[in-house]
PDB file of N, CA and C in Angstrom:
ATOM      1  N   MET A   1     123.617  94.944  52.014  1.00  0.00           N
ATOM      2  CA  MET A   1     123.947  94.096  53.133  1.00  0.00           C
ATOM      3  C   MET A   1     122.666  93.700  53.856  1.00  0.00           C
ATOM      4  N   LEU A   2     122.505  92.446  54.173  1.00  0.00           N
ATOM      5  CA  LEU A   2     121.342  91.965  54.894  1.00  0.00           C
ATOM      6  C   LEU A   2     121.495  92.243  56.382  1.00  0.00           C
ATOM      7  N   SER A   3     120.406  92.640  56.985  1.00  0.00           N
ATOM      8  CA  SER A   3     120.396  92.925  58.419  1.00  0.00           C
ATOM      9  C   SER A   3     119.820  91.739  59.184  1.00  0.00           C
ATOM     10  N   THR A   4     120.261  91.577  60.402  1.00  0.00           N
ATOM     11  CA  THR A   4     119.704  90.522  61.246  1.00  0.00           C
ATOM     12  C   THR A   4     118.579  91.055  62.141  1.00  0.00           C
ATOM     13  N   MET A   5     118.279  92.345  62.038  1.00  0.00           N
ATOM     14  CA  MET A   5     117.230  92.942  62.859  1.00  0.00           C
ATOM     15  C   MET A   5     115.863  92.673  62.234  1.00  0.00           C
ATOM     16  N   GLN A   6     114.819  92.625  63.076  1.00  0.00           N
ATOM     17  CA  GLN A   6     113.460  92.429  62.596  1.00  0.00           C
ATOM     18  C   GLN A   6     112.985  93.658  61.835  1.00  0.00           C
ATOM     19  N   ASP A   7     111.973  93.466  61.003  1.00  0.00           N
ATOM     20  CA  ASP A   7     111.449  94.550  60.178  1.00  0.00           C
ATOM     21  C   ASP A   7     110.500  95.470  60.932  1.00  0.00           C
ATOM     22  N   GLU A   8     109.993  95.038  62.055  1.00  0.00           N
ATOM     23  CA  GLU A   8     109.078  95.860  62.835  1.00  0.00           C
ATOM     24  C   GLU A   8     109.476  95.796  64.308  1.00  0.00           C
ATOM     25  N   PRO A   9     109.024  96.770  65.102  1.00  0.00           N
ATOM     26  CA  PRO A   9     109.383  96.767  66.516  1.00  0.00           C
ATOM     27  C   PRO A   9     108.885  95.494  67.210  1.00  0.00           C
ATOM     28  N   LEU A  10     109.677  94.975  68.111  1.00  0.00           N
ATOM     29  CA  LEU A  10     109.295  93.804  68.878  1.00  0.00           C
ATOM     30  C   LEU A  10     108.411  94.274  70.039  1.00  0.00           C
ATOM     31  N   SER A  11     107.150  93.931  69.978  1.00  0.00           N
ATOM     32  CA  SER A  11     106.194  94.333  71.002  1.00  0.00           C
ATOM     33  C   SER A  11     105.306  93.141  71.344  1.00  0.00           C
ATOM     34  N   LEU A  12     104.532  93.273  72.406  1.00  0.00           N
ATOM     35  CA  LEU A  12     103.597  92.207  72.742  1.00  0.00           C
ATOM     36  C   LEU A  12     102.554  92.017  71.649  1.00  0.00           C
ATOM     37  N   ALA A  13     102.138  93.109  71.014  1.00  0.00           N
ATOM     38  CA  ALA A  13     101.178  92.991  69.920  1.00  0.00           C
ATOM     39  C   ALA A  13     101.775  92.172  68.773  1.00  0.00           C
ATOM     40  N   THR A  14     103.050  92.400  68.457  1.00  0.00           N
ATOM     41  CA  THR A  14     103.732  91.635  67.411  1.00  0.00           C
ATOM     42  C   THR A  14     103.850  90.169  67.803  1.00  0.00           C
ATOM     43  N   LEU A  15     104.247  89.910  69.039  1.00  0.00           N
ATOM     44  CA  LEU A  15     104.364  88.527  69.512  1.00  0.00           C
ATOM     45  C   LEU A  15     103.011  87.817  69.508  1.00  0.00           C
ATOM     46  N   LEU A  16     101.970  88.517  69.895  1.00  0.00           N
ATOM     47  CA  LEU A  16     100.638  87.936  69.909  1.00  0.00           C
ATOM     48  C   LEU A  16     100.184  87.590  68.491  1.00  0.00           C
ATOM     49  N   ARG A  17     100.411  88.505  67.546  1.00  0.00           N
ATOM     50  CA  ARG A  17     100.054  88.224  66.144  1.00  0.00           C
ATOM     51  C   ARG A  17     100.808  87.008  65.630  1.00  0.00           C
ATOM     52  N   TYR A  18     102.098  86.920  65.949  1.00  0.00           N
ATOM     53  CA  TYR A  18     102.908  85.788  65.511  1.00  0.00           C
ATOM     54  C   TYR A  18     102.374  84.480  66.112  1.00  0.00           C
ATOM     55  N   ALA A  19     102.146  84.480  67.410  1.00  0.00           N
ATOM     56  CA  ALA A  19     101.663  83.272  68.079  1.00  0.00           C
ATOM     57  C   ALA A  19     100.301  82.844  67.533  1.00  0.00           C
ATOM     58  N   ALA A  20      99.420  83.814  67.286  1.00  0.00           N
ATOM     59  CA  ALA A  20      98.061  83.510  66.833  1.00  0.00           C
ATOM     60  C   ALA A  20      98.006  83.055  65.384  1.00  0.00           C
ATOM     61  N   THR A  21      99.034  83.363  64.605  1.00  0.00           N
ATOM     62  CA  THR A  21      99.016  82.971  63.194  1.00  0.00           C
ATOM     63  C   THR A  21     100.004  81.847  62.914  1.00  0.00           C
ATOM     64  N   VAL A  22     101.288  82.090  63.109  1.00  0.00           N
ATOM     65  CA  VAL A  22     102.319  81.114  62.767  1.00  0.00           C
ATOM     66  C   VAL A  22     102.281  79.900  63.695  1.00  0.00           C
ATOM     67  N   GLN A  23     101.991  80.126  64.971  1.00  0.00           N
ATOM     68  CA  GLN A  23     101.961  79.046  65.959  1.00  0.00           C
ATOM     69  C   GLN A  23     100.535  78.788  66.459  1.00  0.00           C
ATOM     70  N   SER A  24      99.550  78.989  65.610  1.00  0.00           N
ATOM     71  CA  SER A  24      98.149  78.956  66.046  1.00  0.00           C
ATOM     72  C   SER A  24      97.711  77.618  66.639  1.00  0.00           C
ATOM     73  N   ALA A  25      98.349  76.530  66.270  1.00  0.00           N
ATOM     74  CA  ALA A  25      97.949  75.220  66.787  1.00  0.00           C
ATOM     75  C   ALA A  25      98.593  74.881  68.136  1.00  0.00           C
ATOM     76  N   ALA A  26      99.649  75.611  68.534  1.00  0.00           N
ATOM     77  CA  ALA A  26     100.286  75.375  69.832  1.00  0.00           C
ATOM     78  C   ALA A  26      99.281  75.705  70.932  1.00  0.00           C
ATOM     79  N   THR A  27      99.449  75.099  72.098  1.00  0.00           N
ATOM     80  CA  THR A  27      98.431  75.267  73.130  1.00  0.00           C
ATOM     81  C   THR A  27      98.972  75.839  74.437  1.00  0.00           C
ATOM     82  N   VAL A  28      98.061  76.438  75.173  1.00  0.00           N
ATOM     83  CA  VAL A  28      98.268  76.901  76.546  1.00  0.00           C
ATOM     84  C   VAL A  28      97.347  76.030  77.388  1.00  0.00           C
ATOM     85  N   SER A  29      97.838  75.521  78.509  1.00  0.00           N
ATOM     86  CA  SER A  29      97.033  74.607  79.324  1.00  0.00           C
ATOM     87  C   SER A  29      96.841  75.122  80.739  1.00  0.00           C
ATOM     88  N   THR A  30      95.698  74.813  81.306  1.00  0.00           N
ATOM     89  CA  THR A  30      95.374  75.132  82.688  1.00  0.00           C
ATOM     90  C   THR A  30      94.975  73.850  83.392  1.00  0.00           C
ATOM     91  N   TRP A  31      95.577  73.577  84.538  1.00  0.00           N
ATOM     92  CA  TRP A  31      95.178  72.454  85.363  1.00  0.00           C
ATOM     93  C   TRP A  31      94.110  72.964  86.324  1.00  0.00           C
ATOM     94  N   THR A  32      92.936  72.378  86.288  1.00  0.00           N
ATOM     95  CA  THR A  32      91.816  72.849  87.097  1.00  0.00           C
ATOM     96  C   THR A  32      91.769  72.218  88.478  1.00  0.00           C
ATOM     97  N   GLY A  33      92.653  71.272  88.734  1.00  0.00           N
ATOM     98  CA  GLY A  33      92.625  70.531  89.987  1.00  0.00           C
ATOM     99  C   GLY A  33      92.095  69.130  89.766  1.00  0.00           C
ATOM    100  N   THR A  34      91.300  68.984  88.718  1.00  0.00           N
ATOM    101  CA  THR A  34      90.772  67.657  88.380  1.00  0.00           C
ATOM    102  C   THR A  34      91.008  67.283  86.924  1.00  0.00           C
ATOM    103  N   SER A  35      91.243  68.285  86.076  1.00  0.00           N
ATOM    104  CA  SER A  35      91.451  68.003  84.655  1.00  0.00           C
ATOM    105  C   SER A  35      92.291  69.108  84.011  1.00  0.00           C
ATOM    106  N   LEU A  36      92.722  68.834  82.790  1.00  0.00           N
ATOM    107  CA  LEU A  36      93.520  69.782  82.017  1.00  0.00           C
ATOM    108  C   LEU A  36      92.613  70.463  80.993  1.00  0.00           C
ATOM    109  N   ARG A  37      92.670  71.783  80.940  1.00  0.00           N
ATOM    110  CA  ARG A  37      91.894  72.564  79.979  1.00  0.00           C
ATOM    111  C   ARG A  37      92.876  73.269  79.054  1.00  0.00           C
ATOM    112  N   THR A  38      92.708  73.145  77.742  1.00  0.00           N
ATOM    113  CA  THR A  38      93.659  73.749  76.810  1.00  0.00           C
ATOM    114  C   THR A  38      92.985  74.773  75.909  1.00  0.00           C
ATOM    115  N   MET A  39      93.808  75.674  75.408  1.00  0.00           N
ATOM    116  CA  MET A  39      93.386  76.706  74.457  1.00  0.00           C
ATOM    117  C   MET A  39      94.529  76.856  73.466  1.00  0.00           C
ATOM    118  N   SER A  40      94.219  76.933  72.183  1.00  0.00           N
ATOM    119  CA  SER A  40      95.274  77.120  71.188  1.00  0.00           C
ATOM    120  C   SER A  40      95.716  78.586  71.173  1.00  0.00           C
ATOM    121  N   PHE A  41      96.912  78.841  70.667  1.00  0.00           N
ATOM    122  CA  PHE A  41      97.386  80.221  70.539  1.00  0.00           C
ATOM    123  C   PHE A  41      96.470  80.998  69.601  1.00  0.00           C
ATOM    124  N   GLY A  42      95.909  80.316  68.600  1.00  0.00           N
ATOM    125  CA  GLY A  42      94.949  80.973  67.712  1.00  0.00           C
ATOM    126  C   GLY A  42      93.730  81.446  68.479  1.00  0.00           C
ATOM    127  N   GLU A  43      93.188  80.580  69.339  1.00  0.00           N
ATOM    128  CA  GLU A  43      92.041  80.958  70.171  1.00  0.00           C
ATOM    129  C   GLU A  43      92.419  82.073  71.144  1.00  0.00           C
ATOM    130  N   MET A  44      93.624  81.994  71.707  1.00  0.00           N
ATOM    131  CA  MET A  44      94.076  83.031  72.627  1.00  0.00           C
ATOM    132  C   MET A  44      94.135  84.380  71.914  1.00  0.00           C
ATOM    133  N   GLY A  45      94.638  84.397  70.680  1.00  0.00           N
ATOM    134  CA  GLY A  45      94.689  85.639  69.912  1.00  0.00           C
ATOM    135  C   GLY A  45      93.307  86.207  69.651  1.00  0.00           C
ATOM    136  N   GLU A  46      92.356  85.341  69.293  1.00  0.00           N
ATOM    137  CA  GLU A  46      90.976  85.792  69.057  1.00  0.00           C
ATOM    138  C   GLU A  46      90.366  86.363  70.337  1.00  0.00           C
ATOM    139  N   GLN A  47      90.554  85.670  71.453  1.00  0.00           N
ATOM    140  CA  GLN A  47      89.984  86.136  72.721  1.00  0.00           C
ATOM    141  C   GLN A  47      90.656  87.423  73.197  1.00  0.00           C
ATOM    142  N   ALA A  48      91.961  87.546  72.982  1.00  0.00           N
ATOM    143  CA  ALA A  48      92.670  88.776  73.369  1.00  0.00           C
ATOM    144  C   ALA A  48      92.156  89.962  72.550  1.00  0.00           C
ATOM    145  N   ALA A  49      91.892  89.739  71.266  1.00  0.00           N
ATOM    146  CA  ALA A  49      91.349  90.800  70.415  1.00  0.00           C
ATOM    147  C   ALA A  49      89.948  91.195  70.871  1.00  0.00           C
ATOM    148  N   ARG A  50      89.122  90.207  71.225  1.00  0.00           N
ATOM    149  CA  ARG A  50      87.773  90.506  71.728  1.00  0.00           C
ATOM    150  C   ARG A  50      87.839  91.294  73.031  1.00  0.00           C
ATOM    151  N   LEU A  51      88.753  90.888  73.923  1.00  0.00           N
ATOM    152  CA  LEU A  51      88.911  91.613  75.188  1.00  0.00           C
ATOM    153  C   LEU A  51      89.348  93.050  74.931  1.00  0.00           C
ATOM    154  N   ALA A  52      90.341  93.234  74.067  1.00  0.00           N
ATOM    155  CA  ALA A  52      90.827  94.585  73.759  1.00  0.00           C
ATOM    156  C   ALA A  52      89.714  95.446  73.174  1.00  0.00           C
ATOM    157  N   ASN A  53      88.924  94.884  72.269  1.00  0.00           N
ATOM    158  CA  ASN A  53      87.817  95.648  71.679  1.00  0.00           C
ATOM    159  C   ASN A  53      86.765  96.000  72.720  1.00  0.00           C
ATOM    160  N   ALA A  54      86.466  95.067  73.632  1.00  0.00           N
ATOM    161  CA  ALA A  54      85.499  95.349  74.690  1.00  0.00           C
ATOM    162  C   ALA A  54      86.018  96.449  75.621  1.00  0.00           C
ATOM    163  N   LEU A  55      87.294  96.380  75.972  1.00  0.00           N
ATOM    164  CA  LEU A  55      87.875  97.410  76.842  1.00  0.00           C
ATOM    165  C   LEU A  55      87.875  98.771  76.151  1.00  0.00           C
ATOM    166  N   ARG A  56      88.219  98.799  74.861  1.00  0.00           N
ATOM    167  CA  ARG A  56      88.154 100.064  74.117  1.00  0.00           C
ATOM    168  C   ARG A  56      86.733 100.617  74.128  1.00  0.00           C
ATOM    169  N   GLY A  57      85.748  99.720  73.974  1.00  0.00           N
ATOM    170  CA  GLY A  57      84.345 100.131  74.011  1.00  0.00           C
ATOM    171  C   GLY A  57      83.934 100.730  75.349  1.00  0.00           C
ATOM    172  N   LEU A  58      84.621 100.326  76.401  1.00  0.00           N
ATOM    173  CA  LEU A  58      84.373 100.872  77.737  1.00  0.00           C
ATOM    174  C   LEU A  58      85.178 102.143  78.005  1.00  0.00           C
ATOM    175  N   GLY A  59      85.980 102.558  77.026  1.00  0.00           N
ATOM    176  CA  GLY A  59      86.755 103.787  77.169  1.00  0.00           C
ATOM    177  C   GLY A  59      88.192 103.604  77.600  1.00  0.00           C
ATOM    178  N   VAL A  60      88.676 102.370  77.681  1.00  0.00           N
ATOM    179  CA  VAL A  60      90.074 102.127  78.058  1.00  0.00           C
ATOM    180  C   VAL A  60      90.956 102.464  76.863  1.00  0.00           C
ATOM    181  N   GLY A  61      91.976 103.273  77.096  1.00  0.00           N
ATOM    182  CA  GLY A  61      92.868 103.690  76.027  1.00  0.00           C
ATOM    183  C   GLY A  61      94.321 103.408  76.353  1.00  0.00           C
ATOM    184  N   ILE A  62      95.188 103.870  75.491  1.00  0.00           N
ATOM    185  CA  ILE A  62      96.623 103.680  75.657  1.00  0.00           C
ATOM    186  C   ILE A  62      97.078 104.335  76.960  1.00  0.00           C
ATOM    187  N   GLY A  63      97.807 103.565  77.759  1.00  0.00           N
ATOM    188  CA  GLY A  63      98.338 104.068  79.026  1.00  0.00           C
ATOM    189  C   GLY A  63      97.394 103.928  80.207  1.00  0.00           C
ATOM    190  N   ASP A  64      96.124 103.602  79.952  1.00  0.00           N
ATOM    191  CA  ASP A  64      95.180 103.402  81.049  1.00  0.00           C
ATOM    192  C   ASP A  64      95.500 102.098  81.779  1.00  0.00           C
ATOM    193  N   ARG A  65      95.173 102.047  83.053  1.00  0.00           N
ATOM    194  CA  ARG A  65      95.430 100.855  83.854  1.00  0.00           C
ATOM    195  C   ARG A  65      94.216  99.938  83.873  1.00  0.00           C
ATOM    196  N   VAL A  66      94.493  98.640  83.737  1.00  0.00           N
ATOM    197  CA  VAL A  66      93.459  97.607  83.820  1.00  0.00           C
ATOM    198  C   VAL A  66      93.933  96.587  84.850  1.00  0.00           C
ATOM    199  N   ALA A  67      93.155  96.418  85.912  1.00  0.00           N
ATOM    200  CA  ALA A  67      93.515  95.457  86.952  1.00  0.00           C
ATOM    201  C   ALA A  67      92.863  94.107  86.669  1.00  0.00           C
ATOM    202  N   THR A  68      93.589  93.055  87.011  1.00  0.00           N
ATOM    203  CA  THR A  68      93.020  91.711  86.943  1.00  0.00           C
ATOM    204  C   THR A  68      93.079  91.109  88.335  1.00  0.00           C
ATOM    205  N   PHE A  69      92.100  90.286  88.636  1.00  0.00           N
ATOM    206  CA  PHE A  69      92.014  89.608  89.929  1.00  0.00           C
ATOM    207  C   PHE A  69      91.582  88.181  89.617  1.00  0.00           C
ATOM    208  N   MET A  70      92.548  87.381  89.168  1.00  0.00           N
ATOM    209  CA  MET A  70      92.237  86.058  88.638  1.00  0.00           C
ATOM    210  C   MET A  70      93.295  85.049  89.062  1.00  0.00           C
ATOM    211  N   TRP A  71      92.905  83.776  89.032  1.00  0.00           N
ATOM    212  CA  TRP A  71      93.872  82.707  89.196  1.00  0.00           C
ATOM    213  C   TRP A  71      94.722  82.627  87.952  1.00  0.00           C
ATOM    214  N   ASN A  72      95.850  81.930  88.030  1.00  0.00           N
ATOM    215  CA  ASN A  72      96.701  81.702  86.864  1.00  0.00           C
ATOM    216  C   ASN A  72      96.034  80.645  85.996  1.00  0.00           C
ATOM    217  N   ASN A  73      95.342  81.103  84.956  1.00  0.00           N
ATOM    218  CA  ASN A  73      94.640  80.192  84.063  1.00  0.00           C
ATOM    219  C   ASN A  73      94.631  80.756  82.645  1.00  0.00           C
ATOM    220  N   ASN A  74      93.994  80.060  81.732  1.00  0.00           N
ATOM    221  CA  ASN A  74      93.962  80.498  80.339  1.00  0.00           C
ATOM    222  C   ASN A  74      93.361  81.889  80.190  1.00  0.00           C
ATOM    223  N   GLU A  75      92.283  82.153  80.927  1.00  0.00           N
ATOM    224  CA  GLU A  75      91.618  83.453  80.826  1.00  0.00           C
ATOM    225  C   GLU A  75      92.536  84.589  81.287  1.00  0.00           C
ATOM    226  N   HIS A  76      93.328  84.320  82.336  1.00  0.00           N
ATOM    227  CA  HIS A  76      94.260  85.344  82.796  1.00  0.00           C
ATOM    228  C   HIS A  76      95.370  85.550  81.763  1.00  0.00           C
ATOM    229  N   GLN A  77      95.788  84.484  81.101  1.00  0.00           N
ATOM    230  CA  GLN A  77      96.795  84.611  80.039  1.00  0.00           C
ATOM    231  C   GLN A  77      96.282  85.505  78.914  1.00  0.00           C
ATOM    232  N   VAL A  78      95.004  85.378  78.581  1.00  0.00           N
ATOM    233  CA  VAL A  78      94.398  86.236  77.554  1.00  0.00           C
ATOM    234  C   VAL A  78      94.511  87.699  77.969  1.00  0.00           C
ATOM    235  N   ALA A  79      94.162  88.004  79.214  1.00  0.00           N
ATOM    236  CA  ALA A  79      94.267  89.380  79.709  1.00  0.00           C
ATOM    237  C   ALA A  79      95.716  89.829  79.805  1.00  0.00           C
ATOM    238  N   TYR A  80      96.587  88.931  80.261  1.00  0.00           N
ATOM    239  CA  TYR A  80      97.997  89.237  80.471  1.00  0.00           C
ATOM    240  C   TYR A  80      98.686  89.631  79.156  1.00  0.00           C
ATOM    241  N   ILE A  81      98.221  89.062  78.067  1.00  0.00           N
ATOM    242  CA  ILE A  81      98.769  89.386  76.746  1.00  0.00           C
ATOM    243  C   ILE A  81      97.953  90.490  76.071  1.00  0.00           C
ATOM    244  N   GLY A  82      96.638  90.383  76.131  1.00  0.00           N
ATOM    245  CA  GLY A  82      95.761  91.294  75.397  1.00  0.00           C
ATOM    246  C   GLY A  82      95.776  92.728  75.882  1.00  0.00           C
ATOM    247  N   VAL A  83      95.824  92.933  77.190  1.00  0.00           N
ATOM    248  CA  VAL A  83      95.784  94.299  77.733  1.00  0.00           C
ATOM    249  C   VAL A  83      97.033  95.093  77.332  1.00  0.00           C
ATOM    250  N   PRO A  84      98.249  94.588  77.580  1.00  0.00           N
ATOM    251  CA  PRO A  84      99.428  95.345  77.145  1.00  0.00           C
ATOM    252  C   PRO A  84      99.534  95.454  75.616  1.00  0.00           C
ATOM    253  N   ALA A  85      99.055  94.445  74.890  1.00  0.00           N
ATOM    254  CA  ALA A  85      99.130  94.499  73.430  1.00  0.00           C
ATOM    255  C   ALA A  85      98.275  95.640  72.878  1.00  0.00           C
ATOM    256  N   MET A  86      97.217  96.025  73.597  1.00  0.00           N
ATOM    257  CA  MET A  86      96.389  97.143  73.140  1.00  0.00           C
ATOM    258  C   MET A  86      96.938  98.492  73.604  1.00  0.00           C
ATOM    259  N   GLY A  87      98.023  98.461  74.386  1.00  0.00           N
ATOM    260  CA  GLY A  87      98.658  99.694  74.833  1.00  0.00           C
ATOM    261  C   GLY A  87      98.273 100.121  76.235  1.00  0.00           C
ATOM    262  N   ALA A  88      97.407  99.360  76.886  1.00  0.00           N
ATOM    263  CA  ALA A  88      97.040  99.671  78.270  1.00  0.00           C
ATOM    264  C   ALA A  88      98.046  98.998  79.209  1.00  0.00           C
ATOM    265  N   VAL A  89      97.965  99.332  80.475  1.00  0.00           N
ATOM    266  CA  VAL A  89      98.894  98.802  81.467  1.00  0.00           C
ATOM    267  C   VAL A  89      98.160  97.779  82.331  1.00  0.00           C
ATOM    268  N   LEU A  90      98.699  96.567  82.384  1.00  0.00           N
ATOM    269  CA  LEU A  90      98.086  95.510  83.187  1.00  0.00           C
ATOM    270  C   LEU A  90      98.560  95.622  84.629  1.00  0.00           C
ATOM    271  N   HIS A  91      97.614  95.596  85.553  1.00  0.00           N
ATOM    272  CA  HIS A  91      97.904  95.618  86.982  1.00  0.00           C
ATOM    273  C   HIS A  91      97.325  94.338  87.566  1.00  0.00           C
ATOM    274  N   ALA A  92      98.148  93.299  87.643  1.00  0.00           N
ATOM    275  CA  ALA A  92      97.688  92.006  88.152  1.00  0.00           C
ATOM    276  C   ALA A  92      97.679  92.030  89.667  1.00  0.00           C
ATOM    277  N   LEU A  93      96.499  91.918  90.251  1.00  0.00           N
ATOM    278  CA  LEU A  93      96.357  91.899  91.696  1.00  0.00           C
ATOM    279  C   LEU A  93      96.547  90.478  92.200  1.00  0.00           C
ATOM    280  N   ASN A  94      97.225  90.337  93.319  1.00  0.00           N
ATOM    281  CA  ASN A  94      97.503  89.024  93.891  1.00  0.00           C
ATOM    282  C   ASN A  94      96.267  88.523  94.629  1.00  0.00           C
ATOM    283  N   ILE A  95      95.669  87.484  94.095  1.00  0.00           N
ATOM    284  CA  ILE A  95      94.425  86.944  94.643  1.00  0.00           C
ATOM    285  C   ILE A  95      94.592  86.383  96.055  1.00  0.00           C
ATOM    286  N   ARG A  96      95.839  86.160  96.464  1.00  0.00           N
ATOM    287  CA  ARG A  96      96.099  85.583  97.795  1.00  0.00           C
ATOM    288  C   ARG A  96      96.360  86.638  98.876  1.00  0.00           C
ATOM    289  N   LEU A  97      96.350  87.905  98.532  1.00  0.00           N
ATOM    290  CA  LEU A  97      96.589  88.948  99.542  1.00  0.00           C
ATOM    291  C   LEU A  97      95.402  89.093 100.487  1.00  0.00           C
ATOM    292  N   PRO A  98      95.673  89.426 101.744  1.00  0.00           N
ATOM    293  CA  PRO A  98      94.569  89.741 102.670  1.00  0.00           C
ATOM    294  C   PRO A  98      93.841  91.006 102.186  1.00  0.00           C
ATOM    295  N   ALA A  99      92.604  91.163 102.599  1.00  0.00           N
ATOM    296  CA  ALA A  99      91.752  92.252 102.109  1.00  0.00           C
ATOM    297  C   ALA A  99      92.388  93.636 102.250  1.00  0.00           C
ATOM    298  N   GLY A 100      92.993  93.926 103.389  1.00  0.00           N
ATOM    299  CA  GLY A 100      93.591  95.249 103.594  1.00  0.00           C
ATOM    300  C   GLY A 100      94.726  95.534 102.630  1.00  0.00           C
ATOM    301  N   GLN A 101      95.594  94.548 102.432  1.00  0.00           N
ATOM    302  CA  GLN A 101      96.705  94.721 101.495  1.00  0.00           C
ATOM    303  C   GLN A 101      96.205  94.816 100.055  1.00  0.00           C
ATOM    304  N   LEU A 102      95.191  94.046  99.742  1.00  0.00           N
ATOM    305  CA  LEU A 102      94.620  94.078  98.399  1.00  0.00           C
ATOM    306  C   LEU A 102      93.995  95.439  98.119  1.00  0.00           C
ATOM    307  N   SER A 103      93.263  95.951  99.080  1.00  0.00           N
ATOM    308  CA  SER A 103      92.634  97.266  98.932  1.00  0.00           C
ATOM    309  C   SER A 103      93.688  98.350  98.727  1.00  0.00           C
ATOM    310  N   TYR A 104      94.765  98.294  99.504  1.00  0.00           N
ATOM    311  CA  TYR A 104      95.855  99.260  99.378  1.00  0.00           C
ATOM    312  C   TYR A 104      96.510  99.156  98.008  1.00  0.00           C
ATOM    313  N   THR A 105      96.807  97.929  97.566  1.00  0.00           N
ATOM    314  CA  THR A 105      97.481  97.704  96.296  1.00  0.00           C
ATOM    315  C   THR A 105      96.601  98.134  95.121  1.00  0.00           C
ATOM    316  N   ALA A 106      95.336  97.804  95.183  1.00  0.00           N
ATOM    317  CA  ALA A 106      94.408  98.152  94.099  1.00  0.00           C
ATOM    318  C   ALA A 106      94.224  99.664  93.999  1.00  0.00           C
ATOM    319  N   GLY A 107      94.301 100.359  95.126  1.00  0.00           N
ATOM    320  CA  GLY A 107      94.062 101.804  95.131  1.00  0.00           C
ATOM    321  C   GLY A 107      95.298 102.639  94.861  1.00  0.00           C
ATOM    322  N   MET A 108      96.476 102.017  94.783  1.00  0.00           N
ATOM    323  CA  MET A 108      97.719 102.773  94.579  1.00  0.00           C
ATOM    324  C   MET A 108      97.650 103.624  93.318  1.00  0.00           C
ATOM    325  N   GLY A 109      97.935 104.897  93.446  1.00  0.00           N
ATOM    326  CA  GLY A 109      98.040 105.780  92.293  1.00  0.00           C
ATOM    327  C   GLY A 109      96.714 106.336  91.809  1.00  0.00           C
ATOM    328  N   LEU A 110      95.599 105.887  92.341  1.00  0.00           N
ATOM    329  CA  LEU A 110      94.324 106.377  91.852  1.00  0.00           C
ATOM    330  C   LEU A 110      94.035 107.788  92.298  1.00  0.00           C
ATOM    331  N   SER A 111      94.674 108.237  93.376  1.00  0.00           N
ATOM    332  CA  SER A 111      94.441 109.588  93.855  1.00  0.00           C
ATOM    333  C   SER A 111      95.323 110.613  93.135  1.00  0.00           C
ATOM    334  N   GLY A 112      96.196 110.140  92.266  1.00  0.00           N
ATOM    335  CA  GLY A 112      97.107 111.046  91.579  1.00  0.00           C
ATOM    336  C   GLY A 112      98.387 111.279  92.347  1.00  0.00           C
ATOM    337  N   GLU A 113      98.549 110.623  93.487  1.00  0.00           N
ATOM    338  CA  GLU A 113      99.737 110.781  94.330  1.00  0.00           C
ATOM    339  C   GLU A 113     100.586 109.527  94.286  1.00  0.00           C
ATOM    340  N   ASP A 114     101.025 109.129  93.082  1.00  0.00           N
ATOM    341  CA  ASP A 114     101.797 107.885  92.911  1.00  0.00           C
ATOM    342  C   ASP A 114     102.973 107.800  93.804  1.00  0.00           C
TER     343      ASP A 114
END
């Protein structure tokens, strides 16, 4: 009997591999305020892999937290996909928060008192 279930677990790493290979020509776009900047899913996959390798080189491992402090753009999409795909936890900081709230949010859980 044929199954309708996928052959491997559905994860961000699986989705990223699929997007970077099968849909490699599809694009992600960022409006800069004056122009449109695009990146293909293939390029996004390559950049996400480079980011993951760089983070591993810095000692980031599975379950470790990685914070981002970026506008919503192509580069943030790379981190948004690449960090969880490598098994780390993405902590996207809100760039619009006032300094006190940002400091509190960024420091949450670092003392071991989650």
